[in-house]
Amino acid sequence: SATDITGPIILQTYRAIANYEKHSPSEMAMATGDVVDVVEKNESGWWFCQMKTKRGWVPASFLEPLDSPDEPEDPEPNYAGEPYVTIKAYTAVEEDEVSLAQGEAIEVIHKLLDGWWVVRKEDVTGYFPSMFLQKSGQDLTQAQRQIKSRGAPPRRSSIRNAHSIHQRARQRFSQDTYRRNQRAAPCSRRQPALTWPCGLPAEEEPRPQSTKPQPAVPPRPSADLILNRCIESTKRKLASTL
């Protein structure tokens, strides 16, 4: 019927910055300069793309937008942090990464679309594969199944012979910038359960808001005063009740 007709789906177009050889049947190989349409941007850093008659998963780090080196859909950092748990250990390879064992509780402060998130463990920040993380309290089965079928995508800094059509490099914060900004951000850390927002101690109750003074209630007039000032009908009613 006419109500079931929808508009065309507009896919985003990206360009491959380097050759990529697929490592499983579900992936898609690319050559430098190939233009692909992105069907799905998975937060793991693996994007499902199509190119002519081919389809498959490719690492987001091998792709760049056509009009800018920066990913327009990358969210802003969240210095309050989201609680996550590591479901697989990872040993840092580069200086700006962080090593974590399986089962560690951390906070995610920046979810980047290439699948390498900035996490915080106490006072240490660094990149960590989002595929090895699971939101606290959620079932681990699906995430662990995804790890078995496909590993973490490579980082762009590890890609050899990368060739971009843009004159400047993609903008990224350094770990020093993350640490400096999180110290400056209000309420940047999750507080213990028994504290008020922004670190106000629980035993110190918030000050009540100031209220306007209420007008004083005048005293009730005496019976003699009422008898002297009221009309005759009121006097008779009052006298009958005394």
C-alpha atoms as a PDB file:
ATOM      1  CA  SER A   1       0.000   0.000   0.000  1.00  0.00           C
ATOM      2  CA  ALA A   2       0.977   3.655  -0.274  1.00  0.00           C
ATOM      3  CA  THR A   3       1.555   3.890   3.484  1.00  0.00           C
ATOM      4  CA  ASP A   4       4.256   1.204   3.281  1.00  0.00           C
ATOM      5  CA  ILE A   5       6.339   3.144   0.764  1.00  0.00           C
ATOM      6  CA  THR A   6       9.441   4.723   2.295  1.00  0.00           C
ATOM      7  CA  GLY A   7      12.011   7.096   0.884  1.00  0.00           C
ATOM      8  CA  PRO A   8      15.365   5.921  -0.447  1.00  0.00           C
ATOM      9  CA  ILE A   9      18.080   5.101   2.086  1.00  0.00           C
ATOM     10  CA  ILE A  10      20.993   7.504   1.644  1.00  0.00           C
ATOM     11  CA  LEU A  11      24.297   5.839   2.537  1.00  0.00           C
ATOM     12  CA  GLN A  12      27.444   7.694   3.526  1.00  0.00           C
ATOM     13  CA  THR A  13      30.382   7.432   1.152  1.00  0.00           C
ATOM     14  CA  TYR A  14      33.957   6.909   2.351  1.00  0.00           C
ATOM     15  CA  ARG A  15      37.333   6.323   0.736  1.00  0.00           C
ATOM     16  CA  ALA A  16      39.918   3.653   1.562  1.00  0.00           C
ATOM     17  CA  ILE A  17      43.262   5.143   2.656  1.00  0.00           C
ATOM     18  CA  ALA A  18      45.218   1.882   2.232  1.00  0.00           C
ATOM     19  CA  ASN A  19      44.967  -1.646   0.896  1.00  0.00           C
ATOM     20  CA  TYR A  20      43.070  -4.027   3.145  1.00  0.00           C
ATOM     21  CA  GLU A  21      43.123  -7.803   2.786  1.00  0.00           C
ATOM     22  CA  LYS A  22      40.189  -9.598   4.331  1.00  0.00           C
ATOM     23  CA  HIS A  23      40.867 -12.243   6.978  1.00  0.00           C
ATOM     24  CA  SER A  24      37.470 -13.941   7.050  1.00  0.00           C
ATOM     25  CA  PRO A  25      34.614 -14.581   4.586  1.00  0.00           C
ATOM     26  CA  SER A  26      32.483 -11.904   6.289  1.00  0.00           C
ATOM     27  CA  GLU A  27      35.032  -9.158   5.557  1.00  0.00           C
ATOM     28  CA  MET A  28      35.591  -7.195   2.338  1.00  0.00           C
ATOM     29  CA  ALA A  29      38.939  -6.442   0.719  1.00  0.00           C
ATOM     30  CA  MET A  30      39.732  -2.904  -0.435  1.00  0.00           C
ATOM     31  CA  ALA A  31      42.429  -1.144  -2.415  1.00  0.00           C
ATOM     32  CA  THR A  32      43.735   2.363  -1.776  1.00  0.00           C
ATOM     33  CA  GLY A  33      41.329   4.875  -3.265  1.00  0.00           C
ATOM     34  CA  ASP A  34      38.316   2.565  -3.371  1.00  0.00           C
ATOM     35  CA  VAL A  35      35.060   4.390  -2.644  1.00  0.00           C
ATOM     36  CA  VAL A  36      32.579   2.454  -0.517  1.00  0.00           C
ATOM     37  CA  ASP A  37      29.099   3.043   0.877  1.00  0.00           C
ATOM     38  CA  VAL A  38      28.763   2.505   4.620  1.00  0.00           C
ATOM     39  CA  VAL A  39      25.672   0.489   5.552  1.00  0.00           C
ATOM     40  CA  GLU A  40      26.328   0.175   9.298  1.00  0.00           C
ATOM     41  CA  LYS A  41      28.754   1.841  11.689  1.00  0.00           C
ATOM     42  CA  ASN A  42      29.211  -0.629  14.515  1.00  0.00           C
ATOM     43  CA  GLU A  43      30.697   0.782  17.726  1.00  0.00           C
ATOM     44  CA  SER A  44      33.240  -2.063  17.678  1.00  0.00           C
ATOM     45  CA  GLY A  45      35.073  -0.182  14.913  1.00  0.00           C
ATOM     46  CA  TRP A  46      34.009  -2.667  12.220  1.00  0.00           C
ATOM     47  CA  TRP A  47      31.776  -1.089   9.573  1.00  0.00           C
ATOM     48  CA  PHE A  48      29.610  -3.006   7.131  1.00  0.00           C
ATOM     49  CA  CYS A  49      30.211  -1.584   3.654  1.00  0.00           C
ATOM     50  CA  GLN A  50      29.312  -2.251   0.060  1.00  0.00           C
ATOM     51  CA  MET A  51      31.205  -1.544  -3.142  1.00  0.00           C
ATOM     52  CA  LYS A  52      29.583  -2.397  -6.470  1.00  0.00           C
ATOM     53  CA  THR A  53      28.718  -6.087  -6.086  1.00  0.00           C
ATOM     54  CA  LYS A  54      30.802  -6.716  -2.947  1.00  0.00           C
ATOM     55  CA  ARG A  55      29.743  -6.446   0.688  1.00  0.00           C
ATOM     56  CA  GLY A  56      31.459  -7.092   3.986  1.00  0.00           C
ATOM     57  CA  TRP A  57      32.982  -5.771   7.200  1.00  0.00           C
ATOM     58  CA  VAL A  58      36.001  -3.453   7.050  1.00  0.00           C
ATOM     59  CA  PRO A  59      37.947  -1.613   9.774  1.00  0.00           C
ATOM     60  CA  ALA A  60      36.760   1.976  10.166  1.00  0.00           C
ATOM     61  CA  SER A  61      40.384   3.051  10.588  1.00  0.00           C
ATOM     62  CA  PHE A  62      40.987   2.267   6.881  1.00  0.00           C
ATOM     63  CA  LEU A  63      38.274   4.724   5.789  1.00  0.00           C
ATOM     64  CA  GLU A  64      38.055   8.504   5.614  1.00  0.00           C
ATOM     65  CA  PRO A  65      35.213  10.887   4.701  1.00  0.00           C
ATOM     66  CA  LEU A  66      35.449  12.495   1.282  1.00  0.00           C
ATOM     67  CA  ASP A  67      35.005  16.096   2.429  1.00  0.00           C
ATOM     68  CA  SER A  68      37.090  16.175   5.633  1.00  0.00           C
ATOM     69  CA  PRO A  69      39.724  14.091   7.431  1.00  0.00           C
ATOM     70  CA  ASP A  70      37.664  14.206  10.641  1.00  0.00           C
ATOM     71  CA  GLU A  71      34.800  11.858  11.431  1.00  0.00           C
ATOM     72  CA  PRO A  72      31.742  14.154  11.748  1.00  0.00           C
ATOM     73  CA  GLU A  73      29.793  11.701  13.911  1.00  0.00           C
ATOM     74  CA  ASP A  74      32.440  11.239  16.607  1.00  0.00           C
ATOM     75  CA  PRO A  75      30.791  12.256  19.916  1.00  0.00           C
ATOM     76  CA  GLU A  76      32.254  14.705  22.407  1.00  0.00           C
ATOM     77  CA  PRO A  77      34.150  13.342  25.438  1.00  0.00           C
ATOM     78  CA  ASN A  78      32.098  12.540  28.525  1.00  0.00           C
ATOM     79  CA  TYR A  79      34.382  13.257  31.468  1.00  0.00           C
ATOM     80  CA  ALA A  80      31.788  12.034  33.977  1.00  0.00           C
ATOM     81  CA  GLY A  81      32.547   8.564  32.592  1.00  0.00           C
ATOM     82  CA  GLU A  82      30.383   5.501  31.899  1.00  0.00           C
ATOM     83  CA  PRO A  83      31.026   2.326  33.928  1.00  0.00           C
ATOM     84  CA  TYR A  84      32.244  -0.629  31.865  1.00  0.00           C
ATOM     85  CA  VAL A  85      33.965  -3.953  32.547  1.00  0.00           C
ATOM     86  CA  THR A  86      36.779  -5.494  30.510  1.00  0.00           C
ATOM     87  CA  ILE A  87      35.769  -8.880  29.068  1.00  0.00           C
ATOM     88  CA  LYS A  88      39.185  -9.604  27.566  1.00  0.00           C
ATOM     89  CA  ALA A  89      42.688  -8.605  28.599  1.00  0.00           C
ATOM     90  CA  TYR A  90      44.730  -6.297  26.389  1.00  0.00           C
ATOM     91  CA  THR A  91      48.395  -5.304  26.575  1.00  0.00           C
ATOM     92  CA  ALA A  92      49.218  -1.827  25.324  1.00  0.00           C
ATOM     93  CA  VAL A  93      51.250  -1.658  22.116  1.00  0.00           C
ATOM     94  CA  GLU A  94      51.538   2.117  21.786  1.00  0.00           C
ATOM     95  CA  GLU A  95      52.285   4.746  24.416  1.00  0.00           C
ATOM     96  CA  ASP A  96      48.791   6.237  24.415  1.00  0.00           C
ATOM     97  CA  GLU A  97      47.106   2.875  25.065  1.00  0.00           C
ATOM     98  CA  VAL A  98      46.354   1.282  28.432  1.00  0.00           C
ATOM     99  CA  SER A  99      46.911  -2.326  29.550  1.00  0.00           C
ATOM    100  CA  LEU A 100      44.042  -3.961  31.425  1.00  0.00           C
ATOM    101  CA  ALA A 101      43.298  -7.472  32.656  1.00  0.00           C
ATOM    102  CA  GLN A 102      39.990  -9.243  32.167  1.00  0.00           C
ATOM    103  CA  GLY A 103      37.296  -8.309  34.678  1.00  0.00           C
ATOM    104  CA  GLU A 104      38.562  -4.822  35.544  1.00  0.00           C
ATOM    105  CA  ALA A 105      36.061  -2.033  36.201  1.00  0.00           C
ATOM    106  CA  ILE A 106      36.848   1.134  34.243  1.00  0.00           C
ATOM    107  CA  GLU A 107      35.148   4.278  32.979  1.00  0.00           C
ATOM    108  CA  VAL A 108      34.753   5.199  29.311  1.00  0.00           C
ATOM    109  CA  ILE A 109      35.219   8.927  28.711  1.00  0.00           C
ATOM    110  CA  HIS A 110      35.315   9.063  24.887  1.00  0.00           C
ATOM    111  CA  LYS A 111      33.594   6.672  22.470  1.00  0.00           C
ATOM    112  CA  LEU A 112      35.302   7.036  19.100  1.00  0.00           C
ATOM    113  CA  LEU A 113      33.798   5.416  16.015  1.00  0.00           C
ATOM    114  CA  ASP A 114      37.016   3.667  14.994  1.00  0.00           C
ATOM    115  CA  GLY A 115      36.479   1.240  17.892  1.00  0.00           C
ATOM    116  CA  TRP A 116      39.306   2.539  20.098  1.00  0.00           C
ATOM    117  CA  TRP A 117      37.777   4.234  23.120  1.00  0.00           C
ATOM    118  CA  VAL A 118      39.484   6.406  25.709  1.00  0.00           C
ATOM    119  CA  VAL A 119      39.068   4.799  29.124  1.00  0.00           C
ATOM    120  CA  ARG A 120      39.978   5.847  32.648  1.00  0.00           C
ATOM    121  CA  LYS A 121      41.300   3.593  35.387  1.00  0.00           C
ATOM    122  CA  GLU A 122      41.820   5.672  38.534  1.00  0.00           C
ATOM    123  CA  ASP A 123      44.167   8.453  37.303  1.00  0.00           C
ATOM    124  CA  VAL A 124      45.338   6.646  34.143  1.00  0.00           C
ATOM    125  CA  THR A 125      43.732   7.249  30.734  1.00  0.00           C
ATOM    126  CA  GLY A 126      44.427   5.599  27.397  1.00  0.00           C
ATOM    127  CA  TYR A 127      43.003   3.933  24.301  1.00  0.00           C
ATOM    128  CA  PHE A 128      41.435   0.488  24.670  1.00  0.00           C
ATOM    129  CA  PRO A 129      39.549  -1.720  22.150  1.00  0.00           C
ATOM    130  CA  SER A 130      35.803  -1.211  22.566  1.00  0.00           C
ATOM    131  CA  MET A 131      35.270  -4.853  21.542  1.00  0.00           C
ATOM    132  CA  PHE A 132      36.877  -5.905  24.818  1.00  0.00           C
ATOM    133  CA  LEU A 133      34.459  -3.844  26.911  1.00  0.00           C
ATOM    134  CA  GLN A 134      30.939  -4.484  28.148  1.00  0.00           C
ATOM    135  CA  LYS A 135      28.649  -2.062  29.960  1.00  0.00           C
ATOM    136  CA  SER A 136      28.405  -2.927  33.643  1.00  0.00           C
ATOM    137  CA  GLY A 137      25.453  -5.156  34.489  1.00  0.00           C
ATOM    138  CA  GLN A 138      24.801  -6.410  30.940  1.00  0.00           C
ATOM    139  CA  ASP A 139      24.999  -9.964  29.602  1.00  0.00           C
ATOM    140  CA  LEU A 140      28.442 -10.883  28.272  1.00  0.00           C
ATOM    141  CA  THR A 141      27.385 -13.660  25.882  1.00  0.00           C
ATOM    142  CA  GLN A 142      26.901 -11.570  22.744  1.00  0.00           C
ATOM    143  CA  ALA A 143      30.050  -9.505  23.281  1.00  0.00           C
ATOM    144  CA  GLN A 144      32.189 -12.610  23.830  1.00  0.00           C
ATOM    145  CA  ARG A 145      30.721 -14.214  20.699  1.00  0.00           C
ATOM    146  CA  GLN A 146      31.699 -11.129  18.689  1.00  0.00           C
ATOM    147  CA  ILE A 147      35.283 -11.339  19.960  1.00  0.00           C
ATOM    148  CA  LYS A 148      35.559 -14.951  18.783  1.00  0.00           C
ATOM    149  CA  SER A 149      34.294 -14.137  15.287  1.00  0.00           C
ATOM    150  CA  ARG A 150      36.429 -11.036  14.749  1.00  0.00           C
ATOM    151  CA  GLY A 151      39.302  -9.390  16.623  1.00  0.00           C
ATOM    152  CA  ALA A 152      39.802  -5.744  17.464  1.00  0.00           C
ATOM    153  CA  PRO A 153      40.278  -3.517  14.399  1.00  0.00           C
ATOM    154  CA  PRO A 154      43.729  -2.018  13.787  1.00  0.00           C
ATOM    155  CA  ARG A 155      44.414   1.551  14.809  1.00  0.00           C
ATOM    156  CA  ARG A 156      45.053   4.090  12.077  1.00  0.00           C
ATOM    157  CA  SER A 157      48.502   4.831  13.496  1.00  0.00           C
ATOM    158  CA  SER A 158      49.488   1.216  12.759  1.00  0.00           C
ATOM    159  CA  ILE A 159      48.471   1.295   9.062  1.00  0.00           C
ATOM    160  CA  ARG A 160      51.429   1.300   6.689  1.00  0.00           C
ATOM    161  CA  ASN A 161      51.424   3.220   3.403  1.00  0.00           C
ATOM    162  CA  ALA A 162      48.265   5.122   4.313  1.00  0.00           C
ATOM    163  CA  HIS A 163      47.406   7.780   1.745  1.00  0.00           C
ATOM    164  CA  SER A 164      44.838  10.466   2.493  1.00  0.00           C
ATOM    165  CA  ILE A 165      43.350  12.917   0.009  1.00  0.00           C
ATOM    166  CA  HIS A 166      43.240  15.603   2.711  1.00  0.00           C
ATOM    167  CA  GLN A 167      46.115  17.959   3.418  1.00  0.00           C
ATOM    168  CA  ARG A 168      45.834  17.858   7.196  1.00  0.00           C
ATOM    169  CA  ALA A 169      45.695  14.873   9.518  1.00  0.00           C
ATOM    170  CA  ARG A 170      42.676  13.818  11.531  1.00  0.00           C
ATOM    171  CA  GLN A 171      42.411  15.809  14.752  1.00  0.00           C
ATOM    172  CA  ARG A 172      42.699  13.811  17.957  1.00  0.00           C
ATOM    173  CA  PHE A 173      43.185  14.724  21.614  1.00  0.00           C
ATOM    174  CA  SER A 174      46.387  13.648  23.314  1.00  0.00           C
ATOM    175  CA  GLN A 175      46.146  11.747  26.602  1.00  0.00           C
ATOM    176  CA  ASP A 176      47.582  14.810  28.376  1.00  0.00           C
ATOM    177  CA  THR A 177      44.665  16.823  26.987  1.00  0.00           C
ATOM    178  CA  TYR A 178      42.151  14.248  28.247  1.00  0.00           C
ATOM    179  CA  ARG A 179      43.683  14.281  31.725  1.00  0.00           C
ATOM    180  CA  ARG A 180      43.872  18.068  31.820  1.00  0.00           C
ATOM    181  CA  ASN A 181      40.281  18.498  30.643  1.00  0.00           C
ATOM    182  CA  GLN A 182      38.877  15.947  33.067  1.00  0.00           C
ATOM    183  CA  ARG A 183      40.491  17.763  35.995  1.00  0.00           C
ATOM    184  CA  ALA A 184      38.925  21.023  34.835  1.00  0.00           C
ATOM    185  CA  ALA A 185      35.478  19.548  34.154  1.00  0.00           C
ATOM    186  CA  PRO A 186      32.964  19.885  37.031  1.00  0.00           C
ATOM    187  CA  CYS A 187      31.833  16.570  38.524  1.00  0.00           C
ATOM    188  CA  SER A 188      34.247  14.737  36.216  1.00  0.00           C
ATOM    189  CA  ARG A 189      34.440  11.699  38.464  1.00  0.00           C
ATOM    190  CA  ARG A 190      31.669   9.390  39.595  1.00  0.00           C
ATOM    191  CA  GLN A 191      31.140   9.999  43.304  1.00  0.00           C
ATOM    192  CA  PRO A 192      30.627   7.275  45.929  1.00  0.00           C
ATOM    193  CA  ALA A 193      27.047   6.293  46.648  1.00  0.00           C
ATOM    194  CA  LEU A 194      26.895   8.245  49.927  1.00  0.00           C
ATOM    195  CA  THR A 195      27.779  11.659  48.564  1.00  0.00           C
ATOM    196  CA  TRP A 196      25.827  14.521  47.161  1.00  0.00           C
ATOM    197  CA  PRO A 197      26.535  15.690  43.582  1.00  0.00           C
ATOM    198  CA  CYS A 198      29.946  17.309  43.033  1.00  0.00           C
ATOM    199  CA  GLY A 199      31.414  15.818  46.209  1.00  0.00           C
ATOM    200  CA  LEU A 200      29.299  17.434  48.943  1.00  0.00           C
ATOM    201  CA  PRO A 201      29.604  15.078  51.967  1.00  0.00           C
ATOM    202  CA  ALA A 202      26.492  13.056  52.733  1.00  0.00           C
ATOM    203  CA  GLU A 203      26.438  14.065  56.394  1.00  0.00           C
ATOM    204  CA  GLU A 204      26.298  17.727  55.403  1.00  0.00           C
ATOM    205  CA  GLU A 205      22.719  18.304  54.376  1.00  0.00           C
ATOM    206  CA  PRO A 206      22.066  20.842  51.633  1.00  0.00           C
ATOM    207  CA  ARG A 207      21.075  24.245  52.889  1.00  0.00           C
ATOM    208  CA  PRO A 208      17.351  24.952  52.635  1.00  0.00           C
ATOM    209  CA  GLN A 209      16.342  27.634  50.205  1.00  0.00           C
ATOM    210  CA  SER A 210      15.508  30.984  51.741  1.00  0.00           C
ATOM    211  CA  THR A 211      11.781  31.696  51.944  1.00  0.00           C
ATOM    212  CA  LYS A 212       9.910  34.969  52.189  1.00  0.00           C
ATOM    213  CA  PRO A 213       8.653  35.856  55.721  1.00  0.00           C
ATOM    214  CA  GLN A 214       4.987  35.005  56.216  1.00  0.00           C
ATOM    215  CA  PRO A 215       2.641  37.779  57.435  1.00  0.00           C
ATOM    216  CA  ALA A 216       1.678  37.554  61.119  1.00  0.00           C
ATOM    217  CA  VAL A 217      -1.830  36.255  61.888  1.00  0.00           C
ATOM    218  CA  PRO A 218      -3.790  38.863  63.944  1.00  0.00           C
ATOM    219  CA  PRO A 219      -5.222  37.669  67.301  1.00  0.00           C
ATOM    220  CA  ARG A 220      -8.887  36.689  67.486  1.00  0.00           C
ATOM    221  CA  PRO A 221     -11.000  39.598  68.869  1.00  0.00           C
ATOM    222  CA  SER A 222     -12.593  39.169  72.288  1.00  0.00           C
ATOM    223  CA  ALA A 223     -16.347  38.663  72.774  1.00  0.00           C
ATOM    224  CA  ASP A 224     -16.729  42.147  74.328  1.00  0.00           C
ATOM    225  CA  LEU A 225     -15.062  43.771  71.313  1.00  0.00           C
ATOM    226  CA  ILE A 226     -17.325  41.865  68.937  1.00  0.00           C
ATOM    227  CA  LEU A 227     -20.456  42.932  70.914  1.00  0.00           C
ATOM    228  CA  ASN A 228     -19.406  46.583  70.810  1.00  0.00           C
ATOM    229  CA  ARG A 229     -18.746  46.665  67.033  1.00  0.00           C
ATOM    230  CA  CYS A 230     -21.156  44.206  65.434  1.00  0.00           C
ATOM    231  CA  ILE A 231     -24.684  44.804  64.214  1.00  0.00           C
ATOM    232  CA  GLU A 232     -27.795  43.933  66.273  1.00  0.00           C
ATOM    233  CA  SER A 233     -28.504  40.601  64.526  1.00  0.00           C
ATOM    234  CA  THR A 234     -24.933  39.416  65.184  1.00  0.00           C
ATOM    235  CA  LYS A 235     -25.235  40.490  68.836  1.00  0.00           C
ATOM    236  CA  ARG A 236     -28.360  38.359  69.274  1.00  0.00           C
ATOM    237  CA  LYS A 237     -26.694  35.283  67.691  1.00  0.00           C
ATOM    238  CA  LEU A 238     -23.565  35.722  69.802  1.00  0.00           C
ATOM    239  CA  ALA A 239     -25.574  36.223  72.995  1.00  0.00           C
ATOM    240  CA  SER A 240     -27.474  32.977  72.378  1.00  0.00           C
ATOM    241  CA  THR A 241     -24.209  31.008  72.247  1.00  0.00           C
ATOM    242  CA  LEU A 242     -22.693  32.471  75.413  1.00  0.00           C
END
